[in-house]
Amino acid sequence: MTVLGDRESLMVSALKSRTAVTLLTTAVSTSLQAGLTIRVTVIGGGPRATTNTGRPTYQLECWGAGVNSRAEAAQLAAVVEHELESGITGTFPAGNVVGSWVVGDVYASPDPTTSRARYIVTGGLLIQP
């Protein structure tokens, strides 16, 4: 079986390929950044034992730029949700994305320490090497 590439960088690349996302922010990474940003974390899934594909699940944290940024964080989360539901596909350095989906509903989860606005989207990618 071919080893699949880094699953987090694959989602980062997939989101950065979407114009609707990059119109709002270019800060899409695996670490929290200042300003309007999306932090990508793999929370499940991975390579499947019976096929040469992977189905990782991600937590996509959509952060506002400051304490009073709930509307912009919500808008960013809505765009991310829409893009995943629309079906992201493409070839990226870490693999080929042949599908995407959303799990459940988007929900608000402000940072308890700073009160910085944050909305969370849970979604996944169907990937091939």
N, C-alpha and C. Protein backbone atom coordinates (compact mmCIF):
# COMPACT_ATOMS: atom_id res chain seq x y z
N MET A 1 0.84 -1.18 0.00
CA MET A 1 0.00 0.00 0.00
C MET A 1 0.88 1.24 0.00
N THR A 2 0.55 2.21 -0.83
CA THR A 2 1.26 3.47 -0.86
C THR A 2 0.90 4.27 0.39
N VAL A 3 1.89 4.90 1.02
CA VAL A 3 1.63 5.70 2.20
C VAL A 3 1.03 7.04 1.78
N LEU A 4 -0.06 7.41 2.42
CA LEU A 4 -0.69 8.69 2.11
C LEU A 4 0.10 9.81 2.76
N GLY A 5 0.06 11.00 2.16
CA GLY A 5 0.77 12.16 2.68
C GLY A 5 0.17 12.69 3.97
N ASP A 6 0.75 13.76 4.47
CA ASP A 6 0.29 14.40 5.69
C ASP A 6 -1.15 14.86 5.53
N ARG A 7 -2.03 14.32 6.36
CA ARG A 7 -3.46 14.59 6.22
C ARG A 7 -3.82 16.03 6.57
N GLU A 8 -3.14 16.63 7.54
CA GLU A 8 -3.45 18.02 7.89
C GLU A 8 -3.04 18.98 6.78
N SER A 9 -1.85 18.76 6.21
CA SER A 9 -1.43 19.66 5.12
C SER A 9 -2.32 19.49 3.90
N LEU A 10 -2.89 18.31 3.73
CA LEU A 10 -3.80 18.09 2.61
C LEU A 10 -5.06 18.95 2.76
N MET A 11 -5.64 19.00 3.95
CA MET A 11 -6.82 19.85 4.17
C MET A 11 -6.44 21.33 4.04
N VAL A 12 -5.28 21.71 4.55
CA VAL A 12 -4.84 23.10 4.41
C VAL A 12 -4.78 23.46 2.93
N SER A 13 -4.16 22.62 2.12
CA SER A 13 -4.06 22.87 0.67
C SER A 13 -5.44 22.90 0.02
N ALA A 14 -6.31 21.98 0.42
CA ALA A 14 -7.65 21.91 -0.17
C ALA A 14 -8.43 23.19 0.12
N LEU A 15 -8.37 23.68 1.36
CA LEU A 15 -9.09 24.91 1.70
C LEU A 15 -8.49 26.13 1.01
N LYS A 16 -7.17 26.17 0.93
CA LYS A 16 -6.51 27.31 0.27
C LYS A 16 -6.78 27.33 -1.24
N SER A 17 -7.22 26.22 -1.79
CA SER A 17 -7.52 26.17 -3.23
C SER A 17 -8.89 26.75 -3.54
N ARG A 18 -9.68 27.04 -2.53
CA ARG A 18 -11.05 27.52 -2.72
C ARG A 18 -11.08 29.04 -2.65
N THR A 19 -11.49 29.67 -3.72
CA THR A 19 -11.53 31.14 -3.80
C THR A 19 -12.37 31.75 -2.70
N ALA A 20 -13.50 31.18 -2.38
CA ALA A 20 -14.38 31.74 -1.35
C ALA A 20 -13.68 31.80 0.01
N VAL A 21 -12.81 30.83 0.29
CA VAL A 21 -12.05 30.83 1.54
C VAL A 21 -10.98 31.90 1.50
N THR A 22 -10.20 31.94 0.42
CA THR A 22 -9.08 32.87 0.35
C THR A 22 -9.52 34.33 0.24
N LEU A 23 -10.76 34.57 -0.17
CA LEU A 23 -11.26 35.94 -0.15
C LEU A 23 -11.42 36.45 1.28
N LEU A 24 -11.64 35.54 2.22
CA LEU A 24 -11.79 35.92 3.63
C LEU A 24 -10.49 35.86 4.41
N THR A 25 -9.68 34.84 4.15
CA THR A 25 -8.41 34.70 4.87
C THR A 25 -7.44 33.81 4.10
N THR A 26 -6.17 34.11 4.22
CA THR A 26 -5.14 33.22 3.70
C THR A 26 -4.45 32.49 4.86
N ALA A 27 -4.91 32.76 6.08
CA ALA A 27 -4.34 32.13 7.27
C ALA A 27 -5.06 30.80 7.53
N VAL A 28 -4.63 29.78 6.80
CA VAL A 28 -5.15 28.42 6.99
C VAL A 28 -3.94 27.57 7.33
N SER A 29 -3.90 27.02 8.55
CA SER A 29 -2.72 26.27 8.97
C SER A 29 -3.07 25.31 10.09
N THR A 30 -2.05 24.65 10.62
CA THR A 30 -2.24 23.72 11.73
C THR A 30 -1.98 24.39 13.07
N SER A 31 -1.68 25.69 13.04
CA SER A 31 -1.46 26.42 14.29
C SER A 31 -2.33 27.67 14.31
N LEU A 32 -2.64 28.13 15.49
CA LEU A 32 -3.47 29.32 15.63
C LEU A 32 -2.65 30.56 15.30
N GLN A 33 -3.21 31.42 14.49
CA GLN A 33 -2.53 32.65 14.09
C GLN A 33 -3.38 33.84 14.49
N ALA A 34 -2.77 35.02 14.48
CA ALA A 34 -3.51 36.24 14.76
C ALA A 34 -4.44 36.53 13.59
N GLY A 35 -5.51 37.23 13.87
CA GLY A 35 -6.44 37.61 12.81
C GLY A 35 -7.41 36.50 12.48
N LEU A 36 -8.16 36.71 11.41
CA LEU A 36 -9.14 35.75 10.93
C LEU A 36 -8.39 34.53 10.40
N THR A 37 -8.62 33.38 10.99
CA THR A 37 -7.82 32.21 10.66
C THR A 37 -8.62 30.91 10.78
N ILE A 38 -8.15 29.89 10.07
CA ILE A 38 -8.70 28.54 10.18
C ILE A 38 -7.58 27.63 10.68
N ARG A 39 -7.82 26.96 11.82
CA ARG A 39 -6.84 26.00 12.33
C ARG A 39 -7.37 24.59 12.03
N VAL A 40 -6.52 23.78 11.39
CA VAL A 40 -6.88 22.43 10.94
C VAL A 40 -6.26 21.40 11.87
N THR A 41 -7.09 20.47 12.36
CA THR A 41 -6.61 19.37 13.20
C THR A 41 -7.29 18.08 12.76
N VAL A 42 -6.51 17.03 12.54
CA VAL A 42 -7.09 15.71 12.26
C VAL A 42 -7.59 15.13 13.57
N ILE A 43 -8.85 14.68 13.58
CA ILE A 43 -9.42 14.12 14.81
C ILE A 43 -9.83 12.66 14.65
N GLY A 44 -9.65 12.10 13.46
CA GLY A 44 -9.99 10.69 13.27
C GLY A 44 -9.76 10.24 11.85
N GLY A 45 -9.96 8.97 11.64
CA GLY A 45 -9.81 8.42 10.29
C GLY A 45 -8.36 8.21 9.92
N GLY A 46 -8.17 7.99 8.65
CA GLY A 46 -6.82 7.73 8.17
C GLY A 46 -6.85 6.71 7.07
N PRO A 47 -5.71 6.12 6.78
CA PRO A 47 -5.67 5.10 5.72
C PRO A 47 -6.59 3.93 6.05
N ARG A 48 -7.28 3.44 5.05
CA ARG A 48 -8.17 2.29 5.22
C ARG A 48 -7.40 1.01 4.89
N ALA A 49 -7.66 -0.01 5.66
CA ALA A 49 -6.91 -1.26 5.52
C ALA A 49 -7.22 -1.99 4.22
N THR A 50 -8.42 -1.84 3.68
CA THR A 50 -8.81 -2.64 2.53
C THR A 50 -8.67 -1.91 1.19
N THR A 51 -8.42 -0.61 1.21
CA THR A 51 -8.26 0.13 -0.04
C THR A 51 -7.10 1.09 0.08
N ASN A 52 -6.69 1.62 -1.03
CA ASN A 52 -5.57 2.55 -1.07
C ASN A 52 -6.10 3.98 -0.95
N THR A 53 -6.97 4.21 0.01
CA THR A 53 -7.55 5.53 0.24
C THR A 53 -7.54 5.86 1.72
N GLY A 54 -7.88 7.09 2.04
CA GLY A 54 -8.03 7.51 3.42
C GLY A 54 -9.28 8.34 3.56
N ARG A 55 -9.84 8.36 4.77
CA ARG A 55 -11.05 9.13 5.06
C ARG A 55 -10.87 9.88 6.38
N PRO A 56 -9.89 10.77 6.46
CA PRO A 56 -9.68 11.48 7.72
C PRO A 56 -10.82 12.45 8.03
N THR A 57 -11.05 12.62 9.31
CA THR A 57 -12.02 13.58 9.81
C THR A 57 -11.25 14.72 10.47
N TYR A 58 -11.73 15.93 10.28
CA TYR A 58 -11.02 17.12 10.73
C TYR A 58 -11.89 17.99 11.63
N GLN A 59 -11.24 18.66 12.56
CA GLN A 59 -11.86 19.77 13.27
C GLN A 59 -11.28 21.03 12.65
N LEU A 60 -12.15 21.87 12.12
CA LEU A 60 -11.73 23.10 11.46
C LEU A 60 -12.22 24.26 12.30
N GLU A 61 -11.30 24.87 13.03
CA GLU A 61 -11.64 25.98 13.91
C GLU A 61 -11.55 27.28 13.13
N CYS A 62 -12.64 28.00 13.06
CA CYS A 62 -12.70 29.27 12.35
C CYS A 62 -12.70 30.38 13.39
N TRP A 63 -11.57 31.08 13.49
CA TRP A 63 -11.35 32.08 14.53
C TRP A 63 -11.58 33.48 13.98
N GLY A 64 -12.23 34.30 14.79
CA GLY A 64 -12.36 35.71 14.47
C GLY A 64 -11.07 36.44 14.79
N ALA A 65 -10.97 37.68 14.35
CA ALA A 65 -9.75 38.46 14.52
C ALA A 65 -9.59 39.02 15.93
N GLY A 66 -10.66 39.11 16.69
CA GLY A 66 -10.56 39.68 18.03
C GLY A 66 -11.75 39.31 18.88
N VAL A 67 -11.87 39.97 20.02
CA VAL A 67 -12.92 39.66 20.98
C VAL A 67 -14.31 39.89 20.38
N ASN A 68 -14.51 40.94 19.60
CA ASN A 68 -15.82 41.28 19.04
C ASN A 68 -15.93 40.85 17.59
N SER A 69 -15.50 39.65 17.28
CA SER A 69 -15.43 39.20 15.89
C SER A 69 -16.32 37.99 15.61
N ARG A 70 -17.40 37.87 16.35
CA ARG A 70 -18.27 36.71 16.21
C ARG A 70 -18.84 36.59 14.79
N ALA A 71 -19.27 37.72 14.21
CA ALA A 71 -19.88 37.69 12.88
C ALA A 71 -18.89 37.22 11.82
N GLU A 72 -17.64 37.69 11.89
CA GLU A 72 -16.67 37.26 10.87
C GLU A 72 -16.26 35.80 11.05
N ALA A 73 -16.18 35.32 12.28
CA ALA A 73 -15.88 33.91 12.51
C ALA A 73 -17.03 33.03 12.01
N ALA A 74 -18.25 33.47 12.25
CA ALA A 74 -19.43 32.73 11.78
C ALA A 74 -19.47 32.69 10.25
N GLN A 75 -19.15 33.81 9.61
CA GLN A 75 -19.14 33.86 8.14
C GLN A 75 -18.07 32.93 7.58
N LEU A 76 -16.89 32.94 8.18
CA LEU A 76 -15.82 32.05 7.72
C LEU A 76 -16.24 30.59 7.87
N ALA A 77 -16.85 30.24 8.99
CA ALA A 77 -17.32 28.85 9.21
C ALA A 77 -18.37 28.46 8.19
N ALA A 78 -19.28 29.39 7.86
CA ALA A 78 -20.32 29.10 6.87
C ALA A 78 -19.70 28.84 5.50
N VAL A 79 -18.66 29.59 5.15
CA VAL A 79 -17.99 29.39 3.87
C VAL A 79 -17.28 28.04 3.85
N VAL A 80 -16.59 27.70 4.92
CA VAL A 80 -15.90 26.40 5.01
C VAL A 80 -16.91 25.26 4.90
N GLU A 81 -18.01 25.37 5.62
CA GLU A 81 -19.06 24.35 5.55
C GLU A 81 -19.58 24.20 4.12
N HIS A 82 -19.86 25.32 3.48
CA HIS A 82 -20.37 25.29 2.10
C HIS A 82 -19.37 24.63 1.15
N GLU A 83 -18.11 24.97 1.26
CA GLU A 83 -17.09 24.40 0.37
C GLU A 83 -16.98 22.89 0.56
N LEU A 84 -17.00 22.42 1.80
CA LEU A 84 -16.94 20.98 2.04
C LEU A 84 -18.19 20.28 1.49
N GLU A 85 -19.35 20.89 1.70
CA GLU A 85 -20.59 20.29 1.19
C GLU A 85 -20.64 20.30 -0.33
N SER A 86 -19.98 21.28 -0.96
CA SER A 86 -19.97 21.38 -2.42
C SER A 86 -19.11 20.30 -3.07
N GLY A 87 -18.23 19.70 -2.28
CA GLY A 87 -17.39 18.63 -2.80
C GLY A 87 -16.04 19.13 -3.29
N ILE A 88 -15.08 19.20 -2.39
CA ILE A 88 -13.72 19.60 -2.77
C ILE A 88 -13.06 18.43 -3.47
N THR A 89 -12.47 18.70 -4.62
CA THR A 89 -11.68 17.71 -5.33
C THR A 89 -10.43 18.39 -5.87
N GLY A 90 -9.40 17.60 -6.12
CA GLY A 90 -8.19 18.16 -6.72
C GLY A 90 -6.97 17.34 -6.35
N THR A 91 -5.87 17.65 -7.03
CA THR A 91 -4.60 16.99 -6.78
C THR A 91 -3.69 17.96 -6.03
N PHE A 92 -3.18 17.51 -4.90
CA PHE A 92 -2.33 18.31 -4.03
C PHE A 92 -1.07 17.52 -3.71
N PRO A 93 -0.01 18.16 -3.20
CA PRO A 93 1.23 17.42 -2.92
C PRO A 93 1.05 16.20 -2.02
N ALA A 94 0.11 16.26 -1.07
CA ALA A 94 -0.07 15.14 -0.14
C ALA A 94 -1.06 14.10 -0.61
N GLY A 95 -1.68 14.29 -1.78
CA GLY A 95 -2.62 13.28 -2.27
C GLY A 95 -3.70 13.88 -3.13
N ASN A 96 -4.55 13.02 -3.61
CA ASN A 96 -5.67 13.43 -4.45
C ASN A 96 -6.94 13.41 -3.62
N VAL A 97 -7.66 14.52 -3.63
CA VAL A 97 -8.93 14.61 -2.93
C VAL A 97 -10.02 14.30 -3.94
N VAL A 98 -10.84 13.30 -3.63
CA VAL A 98 -11.91 12.90 -4.55
C VAL A 98 -13.30 13.15 -3.94
N GLY A 99 -13.34 13.75 -2.77
CA GLY A 99 -14.62 14.07 -2.16
C GLY A 99 -14.44 14.70 -0.79
N SER A 100 -15.49 15.38 -0.33
CA SER A 100 -15.47 16.01 1.00
C SER A 100 -16.88 16.02 1.56
N TRP A 101 -16.99 16.20 2.87
CA TRP A 101 -18.29 16.21 3.52
C TRP A 101 -18.20 16.95 4.84
N VAL A 102 -19.37 17.24 5.41
CA VAL A 102 -19.51 17.87 6.72
C VAL A 102 -20.18 16.87 7.65
N VAL A 103 -19.72 16.84 8.90
CA VAL A 103 -20.31 15.99 9.92
C VAL A 103 -21.03 16.89 10.92
N GLY A 104 -22.33 16.75 11.04
CA GLY A 104 -23.08 17.53 12.03
C GLY A 104 -23.20 18.99 11.66
N ASP A 105 -23.47 19.80 12.68
CA ASP A 105 -23.69 21.23 12.49
C ASP A 105 -22.48 22.04 12.93
N VAL A 106 -22.35 23.22 12.36
CA VAL A 106 -21.35 24.18 12.82
C VAL A 106 -21.80 24.67 14.19
N TYR A 107 -20.85 24.87 15.10
CA TYR A 107 -21.23 25.38 16.42
C TYR A 107 -20.22 26.40 16.94
N ALA A 108 -20.72 27.31 17.77
CA ALA A 108 -19.88 28.34 18.39
C ALA A 108 -19.17 27.75 19.60
N SER A 109 -17.90 28.12 19.76
CA SER A 109 -17.12 27.68 20.91
C SER A 109 -16.06 28.74 21.20
N PRO A 110 -16.47 29.86 21.81
CA PRO A 110 -15.50 30.92 22.07
C PRO A 110 -14.37 30.43 22.97
N ASP A 111 -13.18 30.98 22.75
CA ASP A 111 -12.04 30.62 23.56
C ASP A 111 -12.31 31.02 25.01
N PRO A 112 -12.25 30.09 25.96
CA PRO A 112 -12.59 30.43 27.34
C PRO A 112 -11.59 31.37 28.01
N THR A 113 -10.39 31.43 27.51
CA THR A 113 -9.37 32.28 28.12
C THR A 113 -9.45 33.71 27.61
N THR A 114 -9.60 33.87 26.30
CA THR A 114 -9.55 35.21 25.70
C THR A 114 -10.90 35.72 25.23
N SER A 115 -11.91 34.86 25.19
CA SER A 115 -13.23 35.18 24.63
C SER A 115 -13.17 35.47 23.14
N ARG A 116 -12.08 35.09 22.48
CA ARG A 116 -11.97 35.26 21.03
C ARG A 116 -13.00 34.36 20.36
N ALA A 117 -13.72 34.91 19.40
CA ALA A 117 -14.78 34.17 18.72
C ALA A 117 -14.21 33.00 17.93
N ARG A 118 -14.92 31.86 18.02
CA ARG A 118 -14.50 30.66 17.30
C ARG A 118 -15.73 29.84 16.96
N TYR A 119 -15.80 29.41 15.70
CA TYR A 119 -16.83 28.46 15.27
C TYR A 119 -16.12 27.22 14.78
N ILE A 120 -16.73 26.06 15.02
CA ILE A 120 -16.07 24.80 14.66
C ILE A 120 -16.90 24.06 13.62
N VAL A 121 -16.22 23.64 12.57
CA VAL A 121 -16.80 22.82 11.51
C VAL A 121 -16.09 21.47 11.59
N THR A 122 -16.85 20.39 11.59
CA THR A 122 -16.27 19.05 11.53
C THR A 122 -16.57 18.50 10.15
N GLY A 123 -15.52 18.05 9.47
CA GLY A 123 -15.71 17.53 8.11
C GLY A 123 -14.64 16.54 7.75
N GLY A 124 -14.71 16.03 6.54
CA GLY A 124 -13.75 15.03 6.13
C GLY A 124 -13.42 15.12 4.65
N LEU A 125 -12.37 14.41 4.29
CA LEU A 125 -11.93 14.28 2.90
C LEU A 125 -11.80 12.81 2.56
N LEU A 126 -12.15 12.46 1.34
CA LEU A 126 -11.84 11.15 0.79
C LEU A 126 -10.60 11.37 -0.06
N ILE A 127 -9.50 10.72 0.32
CA ILE A 127 -8.23 10.96 -0.35
C ILE A 127 -7.66 9.68 -0.95
N GLN A 128 -6.86 9.88 -2.00
CA GLN A 128 -6.12 8.81 -2.64
C GLN A 128 -4.68 9.29 -2.82
N PRO A 129 -3.71 8.39 -2.80
CA PRO A 129 -2.33 8.82 -2.97
C PRO A 129 -2.05 9.34 -4.36
